[in-house]
Amino acid sequence: MLKHKRVFARQCDWCKREIILNGPNKDPFVVNMEYKYFCIEQKPGQPAERDCMAAYLNNINEKINKTKKDLEIKKRQKEEQEKLEKEEKQLAKPRVLAKLDAIQKELKDREFQRRLQKHPS
């Protein structure tokens, strides 16, 4: 009587292709630290024809780099905007100071006129 062997199969987490994990017709595969299974087709001594784990890692790195670039761009835009606001405030200061001086002068003149009216000489 022949004993039946169980054949375990999983799907590649990148390309969704079925991978046979054991048995005489098993497929080459790689498992990462997150327990994700990836298929790999490679002949000894040659680069891989199909390497789903490398594609997965490249995709993750592209996403990370893209988010870093986006954050960098947003940071630059924010700095530029703050710089423009600062320059506008600097430009507005002389006008404000001139107005302040004019108002102070007017108040002093009014006060002087009141004193003259109270105590005519």
C-alpha atoms as a PDB file:
ATOM      1  CA  MET A   1       0.000   0.000   0.000  1.00  0.00           C
ATOM      2  CA  LEU A   2       1.347   3.414  -0.987  1.00  0.00           C
ATOM      3  CA  LYS A   3       1.511   6.127   1.528  1.00  0.00           C
ATOM      4  CA  HIS A   4       0.088   9.454   0.360  1.00  0.00           C
ATOM      5  CA  LYS A   5       2.319  12.448   0.761  1.00  0.00           C
ATOM      6  CA  ARG A   6       0.883  15.845   1.333  1.00  0.00           C
ATOM      7  CA  VAL A   7       1.943  18.497  -1.129  1.00  0.00           C
ATOM      8  CA  PHE A   8       1.917  22.019   0.235  1.00  0.00           C
ATOM      9  CA  ALA A   9       1.197  24.878  -2.116  1.00  0.00           C
ATOM     10  CA  ARG A  10       1.168  28.616  -1.536  1.00  0.00           C
ATOM     11  CA  GLN A  11       0.645  31.675  -3.665  1.00  0.00           C
ATOM     12  CA  CYS A  12       3.475  34.051  -4.397  1.00  0.00           C
ATOM     13  CA  ASP A  13       2.695  37.208  -2.440  1.00  0.00           C
ATOM     14  CA  TRP A  14       3.897  39.393  -5.316  1.00  0.00           C
ATOM     15  CA  CYS A  15       2.729  37.808  -8.580  1.00  0.00           C
ATOM     16  CA  LYS A  16       0.009  35.506  -7.134  1.00  0.00           C
ATOM     17  CA  ARG A  17       1.460  32.481  -8.908  1.00  0.00           C
ATOM     18  CA  GLU A  18       1.064  29.091  -7.222  1.00  0.00           C
ATOM     19  CA  ILE A  19       4.240  27.721  -5.627  1.00  0.00           C
ATOM     20  CA  ILE A  20       4.588  24.044  -4.712  1.00  0.00           C
ATOM     21  CA  LEU A  21       6.628  23.964  -1.515  1.00  0.00           C
ATOM     22  CA  ASN A  22       7.521  20.253  -1.274  1.00  0.00           C
ATOM     23  CA  GLY A  23       7.502  17.076  -3.301  1.00  0.00           C
ATOM     24  CA  PRO A  24       9.369  16.021  -6.430  1.00  0.00           C
ATOM     25  CA  ASN A  25       8.027  18.922  -8.514  1.00  0.00           C
ATOM     26  CA  LYS A  26       8.676  21.646  -5.960  1.00  0.00           C
ATOM     27  CA  ASP A  27       9.272  25.198  -7.125  1.00  0.00           C
ATOM     28  CA  PRO A  28      12.123  27.394  -5.892  1.00  0.00           C
ATOM     29  CA  PHE A  29      10.885  30.015  -3.453  1.00  0.00           C
ATOM     30  CA  VAL A  30      12.078  32.538  -0.888  1.00  0.00           C
ATOM     31  CA  VAL A  31      10.491  33.513   2.439  1.00  0.00           C
ATOM     32  CA  ASN A  32      11.173  36.870   4.084  1.00  0.00           C
ATOM     33  CA  MET A  33      10.965  37.905   7.742  1.00  0.00           C
ATOM     34  CA  GLU A  34       7.291  38.776   7.381  1.00  0.00           C
ATOM     35  CA  TYR A  35       6.604  35.174   6.266  1.00  0.00           C
ATOM     36  CA  LYS A  36       5.761  36.259   2.754  1.00  0.00           C
ATOM     37  CA  TYR A  37       6.491  33.704   0.059  1.00  0.00           C
ATOM     38  CA  PHE A  38       8.050  34.754  -3.253  1.00  0.00           C
ATOM     39  CA  CYS A  39       8.841  32.691  -6.336  1.00  0.00           C
ATOM     40  CA  ILE A  40      12.243  32.821  -7.972  1.00  0.00           C
ATOM     41  CA  GLU A  41      13.316  31.360 -11.312  1.00  0.00           C
ATOM     42  CA  GLN A  42      17.053  31.121 -11.610  1.00  0.00           C
ATOM     43  CA  LYS A  43      19.548  28.823 -13.261  1.00  0.00           C
ATOM     44  CA  PRO A  44      22.766  28.179 -11.337  1.00  0.00           C
ATOM     45  CA  GLY A  45      25.499  30.643 -12.227  1.00  0.00           C
ATOM     46  CA  GLN A  46      23.138  33.063 -13.963  1.00  0.00           C
ATOM     47  CA  PRO A  47      21.076  36.012 -12.777  1.00  0.00           C
ATOM     48  CA  ALA A  48      17.475  35.360 -11.876  1.00  0.00           C
ATOM     49  CA  GLU A  49      14.955  35.412 -14.729  1.00  0.00           C
ATOM     50  CA  ARG A  50      12.117  36.037 -12.318  1.00  0.00           C
ATOM     51  CA  ASP A  51      12.717  37.315  -8.792  1.00  0.00           C
ATOM     52  CA  CYS A  52       9.520  38.464  -7.126  1.00  0.00           C
ATOM     53  CA  MET A  53      11.202  39.311  -3.808  1.00  0.00           C
ATOM     54  CA  ALA A  54      13.599  41.727  -5.517  1.00  0.00           C
ATOM     55  CA  ALA A  55      10.664  43.345  -7.309  1.00  0.00           C
ATOM     56  CA  TYR A  56       8.787  43.603  -3.991  1.00  0.00           C
ATOM     57  CA  LEU A  57      11.745  45.235  -2.238  1.00  0.00           C
ATOM     58  CA  ASN A  58      12.338  47.633  -5.144  1.00  0.00           C
ATOM     59  CA  ASN A  59       8.678  48.662  -5.010  1.00  0.00           C
ATOM     60  CA  ILE A  60       8.910  49.340  -1.261  1.00  0.00           C
ATOM     61  CA  ASN A  61      12.092  51.397  -1.738  1.00  0.00           C
ATOM     62  CA  GLU A  62      10.464  53.429  -4.526  1.00  0.00           C
ATOM     63  CA  LYS A  63       7.496  54.208  -2.268  1.00  0.00           C
ATOM     64  CA  ILE A  64       9.821  55.270   0.557  1.00  0.00           C
ATOM     65  CA  ASN A  65      11.886  57.459  -1.756  1.00  0.00           C
ATOM     66  CA  LYS A  66       8.749  59.011  -3.238  1.00  0.00           C
ATOM     67  CA  THR A  67       7.369  59.905   0.191  1.00  0.00           C
ATOM     68  CA  LYS A  68      10.747  61.359   1.207  1.00  0.00           C
ATOM     69  CA  LYS A  69      10.833  63.498  -1.934  1.00  0.00           C
ATOM     70  CA  ASP A  70       7.244  64.650  -1.363  1.00  0.00           C
ATOM     71  CA  LEU A  71       8.023  65.601   2.235  1.00  0.00           C
ATOM     72  CA  GLU A  72      11.171  67.412   1.092  1.00  0.00           C
ATOM     73  CA  ILE A  73       9.221  69.369  -1.523  1.00  0.00           C
ATOM     74  CA  LYS A  74       6.521  70.303   1.006  1.00  0.00           C
ATOM     75  CA  LYS A  75       9.198  71.395   3.482  1.00  0.00           C
ATOM     76  CA  ARG A  76      10.892  73.588   0.862  1.00  0.00           C
ATOM     77  CA  GLN A  77       7.559  75.152  -0.121  1.00  0.00           C
ATOM     78  CA  LYS A  78       6.738  75.846   3.522  1.00  0.00           C
ATOM     79  CA  GLU A  79      10.156  77.430   4.084  1.00  0.00           C
ATOM     80  CA  GLU A  80       9.746  79.597   0.982  1.00  0.00           C
ATOM     81  CA  GLN A  81       6.288  80.683   2.111  1.00  0.00           C
ATOM     82  CA  GLU A  82       7.594  81.554   5.585  1.00  0.00           C
ATOM     83  CA  LYS A  83      10.457  83.481   3.998  1.00  0.00           C
ATOM     84  CA  LEU A  84       8.020  85.460   1.826  1.00  0.00           C
ATOM     85  CA  GLU A  85       5.835  86.235   4.844  1.00  0.00           C
ATOM     86  CA  LYS A  86       8.894  87.378   6.763  1.00  0.00           C
ATOM     87  CA  GLU A  87       9.939  89.643   3.890  1.00  0.00           C
ATOM     88  CA  GLU A  88       6.421  91.094   3.698  1.00  0.00           C
ATOM     89  CA  LYS A  89       6.545  91.839   7.418  1.00  0.00           C
ATOM     90  CA  GLN A  90       9.944  93.493   6.992  1.00  0.00           C
ATOM     91  CA  LEU A  91       8.580  95.600   4.147  1.00  0.00           C
ATOM     92  CA  ALA A  92       5.510  96.509   6.178  1.00  0.00           C
ATOM     93  CA  LYS A  93       7.529  97.629   9.229  1.00  0.00           C
ATOM     94  CA  PRO A  94       8.695 100.999   7.827  1.00  0.00           C
ATOM     95  CA  ARG A  95       5.135 101.865   6.788  1.00  0.00           C
ATOM     96  CA  VAL A  96       3.795 100.883  10.170  1.00  0.00           C
ATOM     97  CA  LEU A  97       6.557 102.770  11.966  1.00  0.00           C
ATOM     98  CA  ALA A  98       5.925 105.853   9.832  1.00  0.00           C
ATOM     99  CA  LYS A  99       2.218 105.686  10.645  1.00  0.00           C
ATOM    100  CA  LEU A 100       3.044 105.213  14.326  1.00  0.00           C
ATOM    101  CA  ASP A 101       5.303 108.267  14.289  1.00  0.00           C
ATOM    102  CA  ALA A 102       2.607 110.306  12.538  1.00  0.00           C
ATOM    103  CA  ILE A 103      -0.020 109.262  15.078  1.00  0.00           C
ATOM    104  CA  GLN A 104       2.290 110.008  18.008  1.00  0.00           C
ATOM    105  CA  LYS A 105       3.105 113.438  16.574  1.00  0.00           C
ATOM    106  CA  GLU A 106      -0.586 114.175  16.107  1.00  0.00           C
ATOM    107  CA  LEU A 107      -1.341 113.151  19.703  1.00  0.00           C
ATOM    108  CA  LYS A 108       1.448 115.367  21.006  1.00  0.00           C
ATOM    109  CA  ASP A 109       0.117 118.281  18.959  1.00  0.00           C
ATOM    110  CA  ARG A 110      -3.399 117.734  20.324  1.00  0.00           C
ATOM    111  CA  GLU A 111      -2.064 117.568  23.858  1.00  0.00           C
ATOM    112  CA  PHE A 112      -0.082 120.776  23.272  1.00  0.00           C
ATOM    113  CA  GLN A 113      -3.198 122.500  21.893  1.00  0.00           C
ATOM    114  CA  ARG A 114      -5.220 121.449  24.962  1.00  0.00           C
ATOM    115  CA  ARG A 115      -2.563 122.850  27.284  1.00  0.00           C
ATOM    116  CA  LEU A 116      -2.552 126.116  25.381  1.00  0.00           C
ATOM    117  CA  GLN A 117      -6.330 126.357  25.685  1.00  0.00           C
ATOM    118  CA  LYS A 118      -6.261 125.700  29.433  1.00  0.00           C
ATOM    119  CA  HIS A 119      -3.409 128.065  30.210  1.00  0.00           C
ATOM    120  CA  PRO A 120      -3.262 130.880  27.711  1.00  0.00           C
ATOM    121  CA  SER A 121      -0.167 132.981  28.017  1.00  0.00           C
END
